[in-house]
N, C-alpha and C. Protein backbone atom coordinates (compact mmCIF):
# COMPACT_ATOMS: atom_id res chain seq x y z
N MET A 1 174.62 -75.78 -92.19
CA MET A 1 175.39 -76.80 -92.75
C MET A 1 175.32 -76.49 -94.37
N THR A 2 175.97 -76.30 -95.36
CA THR A 2 175.52 -76.61 -96.03
C THR A 2 175.83 -78.27 -96.90
N THR A 3 175.16 -78.75 -98.09
CA THR A 3 175.91 -79.59 -98.82
C THR A 3 176.97 -80.05 -99.12
N ASN A 4 177.95 -81.04 -99.47
CA ASN A 4 179.34 -80.82 -99.85
C ASN A 4 179.25 -81.62 -100.67
N ARG A 5 178.43 -80.91 -102.49
CA ARG A 5 178.83 -82.06 -103.07
C ARG A 5 179.94 -82.55 -104.04
N ASN A 6 180.98 -81.99 -103.18
CA ASN A 6 182.53 -82.21 -103.68
C ASN A 6 182.92 -83.89 -103.21
N PRO A 7 183.13 -84.80 -103.99
CA PRO A 7 183.53 -86.22 -103.35
C PRO A 7 184.68 -86.55 -102.91
N GLN A 8 185.34 -85.16 -102.62
CA GLN A 8 186.33 -85.26 -101.42
C GLN A 8 186.39 -84.70 -100.27
N TRP A 9 186.81 -84.76 -99.19
CA TRP A 9 186.97 -84.20 -97.80
C TRP A 9 187.45 -83.30 -97.79
N ASP A 10 186.99 -82.03 -97.27
CA ASP A 10 188.07 -80.85 -97.62
C ASP A 10 189.42 -80.81 -96.98
N ALA A 11 190.41 -79.79 -97.24
CA ALA A 11 191.59 -80.37 -96.68
C ALA A 11 192.04 -80.42 -95.36
N VAL A 12 190.84 -79.53 -94.38
CA VAL A 12 191.45 -79.44 -93.19
C VAL A 12 190.89 -81.09 -92.51
N ILE A 13 190.29 -81.74 -92.95
CA ILE A 13 189.65 -82.48 -92.13
C ILE A 13 190.57 -83.72 -92.69
N ARG A 14 191.16 -83.92 -94.20
CA ARG A 14 192.08 -84.74 -94.82
C ARG A 14 193.69 -84.68 -93.75
N ILE A 15 193.89 -83.48 -93.52
CA ILE A 15 195.30 -82.95 -92.87
C ILE A 15 194.51 -83.64 -91.11
N CYS A 16 194.04 -83.32 -90.77
CA CYS A 16 193.30 -83.90 -89.55
C CYS A 16 193.27 -85.40 -89.44
N HIS A 17 192.67 -85.91 -90.63
CA HIS A 17 192.60 -87.48 -90.35
C HIS A 17 193.86 -88.10 -90.00
N TRP A 18 194.94 -87.97 -91.14
CA TRP A 18 196.18 -88.68 -91.17
C TRP A 18 196.86 -87.85 -90.35
N LEU A 19 197.25 -86.86 -89.87
CA LEU A 19 197.58 -86.20 -88.54
C LEU A 19 197.01 -87.43 -87.37
N THR A 20 195.50 -87.23 -87.15
CA THR A 20 195.40 -87.97 -85.81
C THR A 20 196.32 -89.59 -86.03
N LEU A 21 196.07 -89.90 -87.08
CA LEU A 21 196.77 -91.59 -87.29
C LEU A 21 198.52 -91.28 -86.80
N ALA A 22 198.78 -90.15 -87.29
CA ALA A 22 200.25 -90.39 -87.08
C ALA A 22 200.37 -89.89 -85.30
N LEU A 23 199.60 -89.23 -84.66
CA LEU A 23 199.73 -89.23 -83.23
C LEU A 23 199.36 -90.25 -83.06
N ILE A 24 198.57 -90.99 -83.23
CA ILE A 24 198.04 -92.28 -82.68
C ILE A 24 199.46 -93.24 -82.25
N ILE A 25 199.79 -93.28 -83.38
CA ILE A 25 201.05 -94.24 -83.68
C ILE A 25 202.19 -93.79 -83.12
N ALA A 26 202.32 -92.86 -82.81
CA ALA A 26 203.41 -91.55 -82.05
C ALA A 26 202.84 -92.38 -80.65
N ALA A 27 201.67 -92.07 -80.06
CA ALA A 27 201.59 -92.27 -78.76
C ALA A 27 201.72 -93.77 -78.07
N TRP A 28 201.38 -94.76 -79.16
CA TRP A 28 201.94 -96.03 -78.62
C TRP A 28 203.14 -96.29 -79.06
N TRP A 29 203.95 -96.00 -79.43
CA TRP A 29 205.37 -95.84 -79.63
C TRP A 29 206.11 -95.42 -78.45
N ALA A 30 205.34 -93.94 -77.98
CA ALA A 30 206.36 -93.64 -76.64
C ALA A 30 206.11 -94.46 -75.70
N VAL A 31 204.61 -94.91 -75.49
CA VAL A 31 204.64 -95.77 -74.27
C VAL A 31 205.22 -97.24 -74.32
N GLU A 32 205.63 -97.61 -75.52
CA GLU A 32 205.88 -99.13 -75.63
C GLU A 32 207.45 -98.64 -75.53
N THR A 33 207.97 -97.87 -76.01
CA THR A 33 209.99 -97.26 -75.89
C THR A 33 209.66 -96.74 -74.22
N HIS A 34 208.71 -96.42 -73.59
CA HIS A 34 208.97 -96.22 -72.13
C HIS A 34 208.95 -97.55 -71.28
N GLY A 35 208.25 -98.34 -71.77
CA GLY A 35 208.38 -99.67 -70.92
C GLY A 35 209.77 -100.36 -71.39
N GLU A 36 210.85 -99.60 -71.73
CA GLU A 36 212.44 -100.48 -72.08
C GLU A 36 212.57 -99.85 -71.48
N TYR A 37 212.81 -98.80 -70.46
CA TYR A 37 213.64 -98.34 -69.78
C TYR A 37 213.24 -98.77 -67.92
N PRO A 38 214.15 -98.57 -67.24
CA PRO A 38 214.07 -99.18 -66.18
C PRO A 38 213.09 -98.21 -65.41
N LYS A 39 212.02 -98.46 -64.38
CA LYS A 39 211.15 -97.81 -63.30
C LYS A 39 211.90 -96.34 -62.53
N GLY A 40 211.71 -95.04 -62.68
CA GLY A 40 212.35 -93.95 -62.08
C GLY A 40 213.15 -93.54 -62.75
N SER A 41 213.91 -94.51 -63.77
CA SER A 41 214.67 -93.44 -64.76
C SER A 41 214.17 -92.21 -65.48
N ALA A 42 215.25 -91.58 -65.48
CA ALA A 42 215.04 -90.03 -66.13
C ALA A 42 214.45 -90.90 -67.59
N GLU A 43 215.32 -91.55 -68.56
CA GLU A 43 214.66 -91.91 -69.87
C GLU A 43 213.15 -92.40 -70.07
N ARG A 44 212.38 -93.11 -68.81
CA ARG A 44 211.24 -94.05 -69.02
C ARG A 44 210.11 -92.54 -68.68
N ALA A 45 210.52 -91.79 -67.50
CA ALA A 45 209.70 -90.72 -67.66
C ALA A 45 209.29 -89.78 -68.68
N LEU A 46 210.80 -89.84 -69.80
CA LEU A 46 210.80 -89.02 -70.77
C LEU A 46 209.86 -89.27 -71.65
N TRP A 47 209.81 -90.21 -72.09
CA TRP A 47 209.42 -91.35 -72.67
C TRP A 47 207.71 -91.02 -72.91
N MET A 48 207.47 -91.34 -71.45
CA MET A 48 205.91 -91.22 -70.83
C MET A 48 205.28 -89.70 -70.98
N ASP A 49 206.48 -89.02 -70.76
CA ASP A 49 205.87 -87.01 -71.08
C ASP A 49 205.71 -87.18 -72.45
N ARG A 50 206.28 -87.53 -73.38
CA ARG A 50 206.05 -87.68 -74.57
C ARG A 50 204.88 -88.28 -75.28
N HIS A 51 204.23 -89.54 -74.47
CA HIS A 51 203.09 -90.32 -74.45
C HIS A 51 202.23 -89.35 -73.94
N VAL A 52 202.14 -88.67 -73.63
CA VAL A 52 201.10 -87.50 -72.31
C VAL A 52 200.68 -86.47 -73.48
N THR A 53 202.35 -85.92 -73.75
CA THR A 53 201.50 -85.16 -75.15
C THR A 53 200.96 -85.32 -76.38
N PHE A 54 201.34 -86.68 -76.99
CA PHE A 54 200.99 -86.96 -78.10
C PHE A 54 199.31 -87.47 -78.00
N GLY A 55 198.63 -87.63 -76.43
CA GLY A 55 197.46 -88.13 -76.06
C GLY A 55 196.56 -86.96 -75.97
N LEU A 56 197.53 -85.99 -75.66
CA LEU A 56 196.90 -84.59 -75.26
C LEU A 56 196.55 -83.51 -76.71
N ALA A 57 197.29 -84.37 -77.84
CA ALA A 57 197.67 -83.43 -79.09
C ALA A 57 196.17 -84.24 -79.54
N ILE A 58 196.59 -85.49 -79.32
CA ILE A 58 195.24 -86.45 -80.19
C ILE A 58 193.74 -85.61 -79.48
N TRP A 59 193.57 -85.39 -78.43
CA TRP A 59 192.06 -85.03 -77.90
C TRP A 59 192.12 -83.67 -78.53
N LEU A 60 193.23 -82.92 -78.54
CA LEU A 60 193.03 -81.24 -78.94
C LEU A 60 192.62 -81.29 -80.57
N LEU A 61 193.44 -82.14 -81.44
CA LEU A 61 193.02 -82.39 -82.40
C LEU A 61 191.39 -82.76 -82.51
N THR A 62 191.12 -83.80 -82.06
CA THR A 62 189.65 -84.05 -81.99
C THR A 62 189.14 -82.98 -81.74
N VAL A 63 188.92 -82.62 -80.75
CA VAL A 63 187.89 -81.73 -80.44
C VAL A 63 187.71 -80.55 -81.68
N PHE A 64 188.66 -80.22 -81.78
CA PHE A 64 188.88 -79.16 -83.45
C PHE A 64 188.24 -79.45 -84.11
N ARG A 65 188.56 -80.85 -85.09
CA ARG A 65 187.96 -81.94 -85.84
C ARG A 65 186.46 -81.90 -85.37
N LEU A 66 185.70 -81.94 -84.75
CA LEU A 66 184.68 -82.33 -84.48
C LEU A 66 183.92 -80.89 -84.50
N GLY A 67 184.43 -79.62 -83.86
CA GLY A 67 184.15 -78.45 -84.06
C GLY A 67 183.82 -77.99 -85.73
N TRP A 68 185.00 -78.52 -86.46
CA TRP A 68 185.28 -78.14 -87.98
C TRP A 68 184.22 -79.04 -88.85
N ARG A 69 183.84 -80.19 -88.25
CA ARG A 69 182.67 -81.12 -88.94
C ARG A 69 181.17 -80.55 -88.76
N ALA A 70 181.30 -80.22 -87.53
CA ALA A 70 179.78 -79.57 -86.99
C ALA A 70 179.54 -78.32 -88.08
N ILE A 71 180.61 -77.72 -88.78
CA ILE A 71 180.50 -76.28 -89.75
C ILE A 71 180.21 -76.82 -91.20
N HIS A 72 180.85 -77.56 -91.44
CA HIS A 72 181.19 -78.17 -92.76
C HIS A 72 180.78 -79.64 -92.89
N ALA A 73 180.24 -79.59 -94.02
CA ALA A 73 179.69 -80.92 -94.05
C ALA A 73 180.07 -82.16 -95.00
N ALA A 74 180.05 -83.04 -94.88
CA ALA A 74 180.87 -84.57 -94.96
C ALA A 74 179.89 -84.65 -96.84
N PRO A 75 181.07 -85.09 -97.34
CA PRO A 75 181.08 -85.04 -99.16
C PRO A 75 179.94 -86.38 -99.13
N GLN A 76 178.56 -86.31 -100.02
CA GLN A 76 177.97 -86.98 -100.50
C GLN A 76 178.35 -88.81 -100.83
N VAL A 77 177.93 -89.76 -100.38
CA VAL A 77 178.38 -90.79 -101.07
C VAL A 77 177.36 -91.86 -100.92
N ALA A 78 177.26 -92.47 -102.81
CA ALA A 78 176.18 -93.42 -102.35
C ALA A 78 176.38 -94.67 -101.78
N MET A 79 175.57 -95.09 -100.57
CA MET A 79 175.55 -96.53 -100.28
C MET A 79 174.25 -96.76 -99.50
N PRO A 80 174.21 -98.08 -99.17
CA PRO A 80 173.16 -98.42 -98.93
C PRO A 80 172.65 -97.68 -97.36
N ALA A 81 171.41 -97.66 -97.07
CA ALA A 81 171.60 -97.01 -95.66
C ALA A 81 172.04 -97.59 -94.42
N TRP A 82 172.13 -98.87 -94.63
CA TRP A 82 172.44 -99.83 -93.29
C TRP A 82 174.25 -99.41 -93.18
N GLN A 83 175.14 -99.25 -94.56
CA GLN A 83 176.65 -99.05 -94.67
C GLN A 83 175.98 -97.84 -93.98
N ARG A 84 175.46 -96.54 -94.47
CA ARG A 84 175.64 -95.42 -93.90
C ARG A 84 175.71 -95.26 -92.04
N ARG A 85 174.63 -95.92 -91.95
CA ARG A 85 174.54 -96.22 -90.28
C ARG A 85 175.70 -96.83 -89.48
N PHE A 86 176.12 -98.16 -90.40
CA PHE A 86 177.08 -98.71 -89.67
C PHE A 86 178.56 -97.75 -89.69
N ALA A 87 179.11 -97.22 -90.65
CA ALA A 87 179.88 -96.29 -91.21
C ALA A 87 179.80 -94.89 -89.98
N SER A 88 178.72 -94.17 -89.93
CA SER A 88 178.08 -93.19 -88.77
C SER A 88 178.39 -94.12 -87.56
N ALA A 89 178.18 -94.93 -87.15
CA ALA A 89 178.41 -95.42 -85.60
C ALA A 89 180.00 -95.77 -85.31
N VAL A 90 180.34 -96.29 -86.43
CA VAL A 90 181.81 -96.78 -86.56
C VAL A 90 182.70 -95.18 -85.99
N GLN A 91 182.60 -94.32 -86.95
CA GLN A 91 182.81 -93.33 -86.64
C GLN A 91 182.82 -92.45 -85.61
N ALA A 92 181.46 -92.40 -84.96
CA ALA A 92 181.05 -91.97 -83.40
C ALA A 92 182.07 -92.70 -82.57
N GLY A 93 182.02 -94.05 -82.76
CA GLY A 93 182.95 -94.73 -81.79
C GLY A 93 184.28 -94.17 -81.52
N LEU A 94 184.52 -94.13 -83.05
CA LEU A 94 186.35 -93.59 -82.92
C LEU A 94 186.16 -92.42 -81.94
N TYR A 95 185.58 -91.21 -82.61
CA TYR A 95 185.28 -89.99 -81.74
C TYR A 95 185.01 -90.29 -80.42
N LEU A 96 184.06 -90.67 -79.83
CA LEU A 96 184.11 -91.15 -78.33
C LEU A 96 185.52 -92.07 -78.07
N VAL A 97 186.05 -92.44 -78.72
CA VAL A 97 187.42 -93.11 -77.48
C VAL A 97 188.39 -92.04 -78.34
N LEU A 98 188.97 -91.54 -78.97
CA LEU A 98 189.90 -90.51 -79.46
C LEU A 98 189.83 -89.07 -78.15
N LEU A 99 188.25 -89.02 -77.56
CA LEU A 99 188.06 -87.89 -76.54
C LEU A 99 188.33 -88.83 -75.22
N ALA A 100 187.61 -89.82 -75.23
CA ALA A 100 187.73 -90.31 -73.55
C ALA A 100 189.14 -90.80 -73.20
N MET A 101 189.56 -91.80 -73.71
CA MET A 101 190.72 -92.21 -73.66
C MET A 101 191.85 -91.35 -73.20
N PRO A 102 192.22 -90.10 -74.14
CA PRO A 102 193.25 -89.10 -72.90
C PRO A 102 192.77 -88.57 -71.57
N VAL A 103 191.72 -88.28 -71.58
CA VAL A 103 190.78 -88.00 -70.36
C VAL A 103 191.17 -89.15 -69.14
N PHE A 104 191.00 -90.13 -69.21
CA PHE A 104 191.09 -91.51 -68.63
C PHE A 104 192.74 -90.94 -68.30
N GLY A 105 193.54 -91.32 -69.23
CA GLY A 105 194.86 -91.13 -69.51
C GLY A 105 195.10 -89.89 -68.18
N MET A 106 194.57 -88.77 -68.54
CA MET A 106 195.24 -87.34 -67.74
C MET A 106 194.61 -87.89 -65.95
N ALA A 107 193.42 -88.61 -65.82
CA ALA A 107 192.96 -88.54 -64.54
C ALA A 107 193.45 -89.60 -64.29
N ALA A 108 194.16 -90.69 -64.79
CA ALA A 108 195.12 -91.45 -64.46
C ALA A 108 196.70 -90.99 -63.48
N ARG A 109 197.06 -89.66 -64.54
CA ARG A 109 197.73 -89.36 -63.87
C ARG A 109 197.61 -88.25 -62.91
N GLN A 110 196.55 -87.35 -62.63
CA GLN A 110 195.77 -86.66 -61.39
C GLN A 110 196.21 -87.55 -60.64
N PHE A 111 195.42 -88.57 -60.40
CA PHE A 111 195.13 -89.45 -59.12
C PHE A 111 196.67 -89.77 -58.24
N ALA A 112 197.51 -90.22 -59.47
CA ALA A 112 198.77 -90.91 -59.21
C ALA A 112 199.66 -89.24 -58.92
N GLN A 113 198.94 -88.08 -58.71
CA GLN A 113 199.62 -87.08 -58.23
C GLN A 113 200.99 -86.47 -59.68
N ARG A 114 200.96 -86.93 -60.52
CA ARG A 114 201.94 -86.90 -61.43
C ARG A 114 201.13 -85.69 -62.42
N ASP A 115 202.34 -84.85 -62.84
CA ASP A 115 201.95 -83.80 -63.62
C ASP A 115 201.49 -84.22 -65.25
N VAL A 116 200.46 -83.77 -66.11
CA VAL A 116 199.91 -83.72 -67.09
C VAL A 116 200.98 -82.50 -67.65
N THR A 117 201.69 -83.17 -68.87
CA THR A 117 202.45 -81.87 -69.17
C THR A 117 202.51 -81.39 -71.15
N PHE A 118 202.21 -80.40 -71.54
CA PHE A 118 202.27 -80.98 -73.16
C PHE A 118 203.58 -80.20 -73.64
N ALA A 119 204.42 -81.18 -73.74
CA ALA A 119 205.72 -80.85 -74.61
C ALA A 119 206.79 -80.05 -73.66
N GLY A 120 206.54 -80.26 -72.58
CA GLY A 120 207.39 -79.26 -71.47
C GLY A 120 206.80 -77.81 -71.78
N LEU A 121 205.66 -77.46 -72.23
CA LEU A 121 205.33 -75.82 -72.41
C LEU A 121 204.37 -75.53 -71.48
N PHE A 122 203.51 -76.85 -71.48
CA PHE A 122 202.51 -76.05 -69.90
C PHE A 122 202.06 -77.42 -69.25
N SER A 123 201.92 -77.28 -68.20
CA SER A 123 201.32 -78.34 -66.99
C SER A 123 199.75 -77.89 -67.09
N LEU A 124 198.76 -78.92 -67.00
CA LEU A 124 197.51 -78.95 -66.71
C LEU A 124 197.42 -78.39 -64.93
N PRO A 125 196.70 -78.14 -64.80
CA PRO A 125 196.50 -77.47 -63.09
C PRO A 125 196.16 -79.00 -62.14
N GLN A 126 196.49 -79.02 -61.36
CA GLN A 126 196.47 -80.10 -60.71
C GLN A 126 194.80 -80.36 -59.93
N TRP A 127 194.24 -80.94 -60.41
CA TRP A 127 192.49 -81.06 -59.97
C TRP A 127 192.03 -81.90 -58.97
N VAL A 128 193.44 -82.87 -58.49
CA VAL A 128 193.18 -83.67 -57.31
C VAL A 128 194.14 -83.54 -56.46
N SER A 129 193.03 -83.37 -54.97
CA SER A 129 194.24 -82.54 -54.13
C SER A 129 195.27 -83.95 -53.29
N GLU A 130 194.78 -85.01 -53.36
CA GLU A 130 195.56 -85.98 -52.77
C GLU A 130 195.62 -87.30 -53.41
N ALA A 131 196.88 -87.74 -53.33
CA ALA A 131 197.01 -89.49 -54.28
C ALA A 131 195.83 -90.14 -54.18
N ASP A 132 195.32 -90.69 -55.11
CA ASP A 132 194.60 -91.79 -54.51
C ASP A 132 194.99 -93.18 -55.61
N PRO A 133 196.10 -93.81 -55.18
CA PRO A 133 196.42 -94.88 -55.87
C PRO A 133 195.65 -96.16 -56.69
N ALA A 134 193.99 -95.77 -55.87
CA ALA A 134 193.27 -97.08 -56.64
C ALA A 134 192.58 -96.27 -57.45
N TRP A 135 192.31 -95.04 -57.31
CA TRP A 135 191.61 -94.30 -58.59
C TRP A 135 192.42 -94.28 -59.56
N ALA A 136 193.94 -93.79 -59.70
CA ALA A 136 194.61 -93.96 -60.62
C ALA A 136 195.14 -95.41 -61.34
N GLU A 137 195.05 -96.27 -60.64
CA GLU A 137 195.31 -97.66 -61.21
C GLU A 137 193.84 -98.24 -61.97
N TRP A 138 192.54 -97.72 -61.68
CA TRP A 138 191.35 -97.89 -62.42
C TRP A 138 191.52 -96.74 -63.27
N PHE A 139 191.77 -95.92 -63.61
CA PHE A 139 191.55 -94.96 -64.57
C PHE A 139 192.79 -95.52 -65.57
N ALA A 140 193.76 -95.37 -65.23
CA ALA A 140 195.08 -96.43 -66.20
C ALA A 140 194.56 -97.70 -66.88
N GLU A 141 193.70 -98.42 -65.89
CA GLU A 141 193.16 -99.59 -66.55
C GLU A 141 192.07 -99.63 -67.32
N VAL A 142 191.28 -98.57 -67.40
CA VAL A 142 190.50 -98.52 -68.42
C VAL A 142 190.84 -97.44 -69.46
N HIS A 143 192.08 -96.67 -69.68
CA HIS A 143 192.90 -96.45 -70.65
C HIS A 143 193.54 -97.02 -71.49
N GLU A 144 194.02 -98.17 -70.70
CA GLU A 144 194.95 -99.66 -71.75
C GLU A 144 194.19 -100.36 -72.11
N THR A 145 193.24 -101.04 -70.95
CA THR A 145 192.51 -101.86 -71.41
C THR A 145 191.18 -102.45 -71.70
N VAL A 146 190.29 -101.07 -71.83
CA VAL A 146 189.17 -101.07 -72.46
C VAL A 146 189.20 -100.07 -74.09
N PHE A 147 189.98 -98.84 -73.57
CA PHE A 147 190.19 -97.61 -74.84
C PHE A 147 191.18 -98.24 -75.73
N TRP A 148 192.06 -98.60 -75.41
CA TRP A 148 192.95 -98.97 -76.57
C TRP A 148 192.55 -100.25 -77.61
N PRO A 149 191.95 -101.65 -76.86
CA PRO A 149 191.55 -102.11 -77.52
C PRO A 149 190.24 -101.99 -78.55
N ALA A 150 189.30 -100.77 -77.78
CA ALA A 150 188.36 -100.49 -78.93
C ALA A 150 188.67 -99.52 -79.98
N LEU A 151 189.73 -98.85 -79.53
CA LEU A 151 190.35 -97.79 -80.95
C LEU A 151 191.07 -98.78 -82.01
N LEU A 152 191.56 -100.06 -81.32
CA LEU A 152 192.14 -100.69 -82.88
C LEU A 152 190.80 -101.63 -83.22
N VAL A 153 189.67 -102.09 -82.47
CA VAL A 153 188.94 -102.61 -83.51
C VAL A 153 188.10 -101.76 -84.37
N LEU A 154 187.77 -100.73 -83.97
CA LEU A 154 187.29 -99.72 -84.24
C LEU A 154 187.95 -98.50 -85.77
N ALA A 155 189.33 -98.95 -85.45
CA ALA A 155 190.01 -98.59 -86.34
C ALA A 155 190.59 -99.53 -87.43
N GLY A 156 190.23 -100.88 -86.93
CA GLY A 156 190.01 -101.78 -87.90
C GLY A 156 189.17 -102.00 -88.53
N ALA A 157 187.78 -101.72 -87.95
CA ALA A 157 186.33 -101.33 -89.18
C ALA A 157 186.84 -100.56 -90.10
N HIS A 158 187.02 -99.47 -89.33
CA HIS A 158 187.05 -98.18 -90.28
C HIS A 158 187.66 -98.45 -91.40
N ALA A 159 188.98 -99.18 -91.34
CA ALA A 159 189.97 -99.45 -92.20
C ALA A 159 189.60 -100.25 -93.14
N ALA A 160 189.15 -101.43 -92.73
CA ALA A 160 188.13 -102.67 -93.12
C ALA A 160 187.23 -101.75 -94.48
N GLY A 161 186.46 -101.21 -94.10
CA GLY A 161 185.53 -100.78 -94.78
C GLY A 161 185.77 -99.61 -95.90
N ALA A 162 186.68 -98.92 -95.58
CA ALA A 162 187.48 -98.22 -96.65
C ALA A 162 187.91 -98.90 -97.84
N LEU A 163 188.87 -100.14 -97.35
CA LEU A 163 189.47 -100.74 -98.28
C LEU A 163 188.49 -101.60 -99.09
N TRP A 164 187.25 -102.01 -98.59
CA TRP A 164 186.18 -103.06 -99.14
C TRP A 164 185.61 -102.02 -100.11
N HIS A 165 185.33 -100.66 -100.08
CA HIS A 165 185.14 -99.88 -100.67
C HIS A 165 185.81 -99.24 -101.58
N GLN A 166 187.04 -99.35 -101.72
CA GLN A 166 188.19 -99.01 -102.67
C GLN A 166 187.81 -100.08 -103.55
N PHE A 167 188.23 -101.29 -103.25
CA PHE A 167 188.67 -102.46 -103.97
C PHE A 167 187.62 -103.34 -104.29
N GLY A 168 186.37 -103.83 -103.87
CA GLY A 168 185.30 -104.10 -103.41
C GLY A 168 183.91 -103.56 -104.42
N VAL A 169 183.68 -102.57 -103.57
CA VAL A 169 183.00 -101.37 -104.86
C VAL A 169 183.15 -101.07 -105.64
N LYS A 170 184.48 -100.75 -105.87
CA LYS A 170 185.42 -99.63 -106.71
C LYS A 170 184.63 -98.51 -106.75
N ASP A 171 184.64 -97.64 -105.74
CA ASP A 171 183.71 -96.72 -105.61
C ASP A 171 184.93 -95.36 -105.12
N ASN A 172 186.30 -96.01 -105.26
CA ASN A 172 186.93 -94.35 -104.82
C ASN A 172 186.56 -93.87 -103.58
N LEU A 173 186.25 -94.62 -102.49
CA LEU A 173 186.04 -94.07 -101.79
C LEU A 173 187.31 -93.38 -100.91
N ILE A 174 188.44 -94.37 -100.40
CA ILE A 174 189.51 -93.65 -100.21
C ILE A 174 190.40 -92.37 -100.72
N GLY A 175 189.85 -92.38 -102.11
CA GLY A 175 190.32 -91.27 -103.02
C GLY A 175 189.66 -90.27 -101.87
N ARG A 176 188.83 -90.26 -101.24
CA ARG A 176 188.49 -88.97 -100.58
C ARG A 176 189.23 -88.21 -99.68
N MET A 177 190.22 -89.33 -99.16
CA MET A 177 190.91 -88.24 -97.82
C MET A 177 192.34 -88.49 -98.50
N PHE A 178 192.57 -88.44 -99.83
CA PHE A 178 193.63 -88.17 -100.91
C PHE A 178 193.85 -86.74 -101.37
N TRP A 179 194.77 -86.99 -102.58
CA TRP A 179 194.58 -85.59 -102.91
C TRP A 179 194.73 -85.68 -104.66
N SER A 180 193.74 -86.91 -104.66
CA SER A 180 193.87 -87.93 -105.79
C SER A 180 192.48 -86.61 -106.68
N ARG A 181 192.39 -86.98 -108.09
CA ARG A 181 191.91 -86.29 -108.61
C ARG A 181 190.37 -87.00 -109.26
N ARG A 182 191.08 -88.72 -109.02
CA ARG A 182 190.12 -89.83 -109.46
C ARG A 182 188.58 -89.43 -108.83
């Protein structure tokens, strides 16, 4: 991997960053909307299928993004070592949650003997042979009550750090994720 002396992230990472945010919002919106319909209704199932599709898309995009990051260097930013370590830990936590949360959601559906489909285009193979409500509930619980709050805290820390750099340090750190020339 070569050193990136450009102060901005490359276009692929910038697109992945904002698309990930859009997909997270879409997944949250879909699962919230699904709750407005009665259990067993077609509308409720449709919104849950959308939630699953967005979750799979987040997982696939995160895998792609990590692969891209492995061969494309991050821009160099001057900051104290402790800030760099903290930012790296937050970023690693975000990647971990973005990978694990969809996996736990898929596992919950598998143990509930429900299809894991992507936009109606394909379904993942069923790798759990019999329904196990206890495991389905456990995976769903971790998906919702561990990973969702972790995602919110990590995303909040990420955004707070970016805003602090932008407006406190005034180093135009946020500009690295946009198409500005500053």
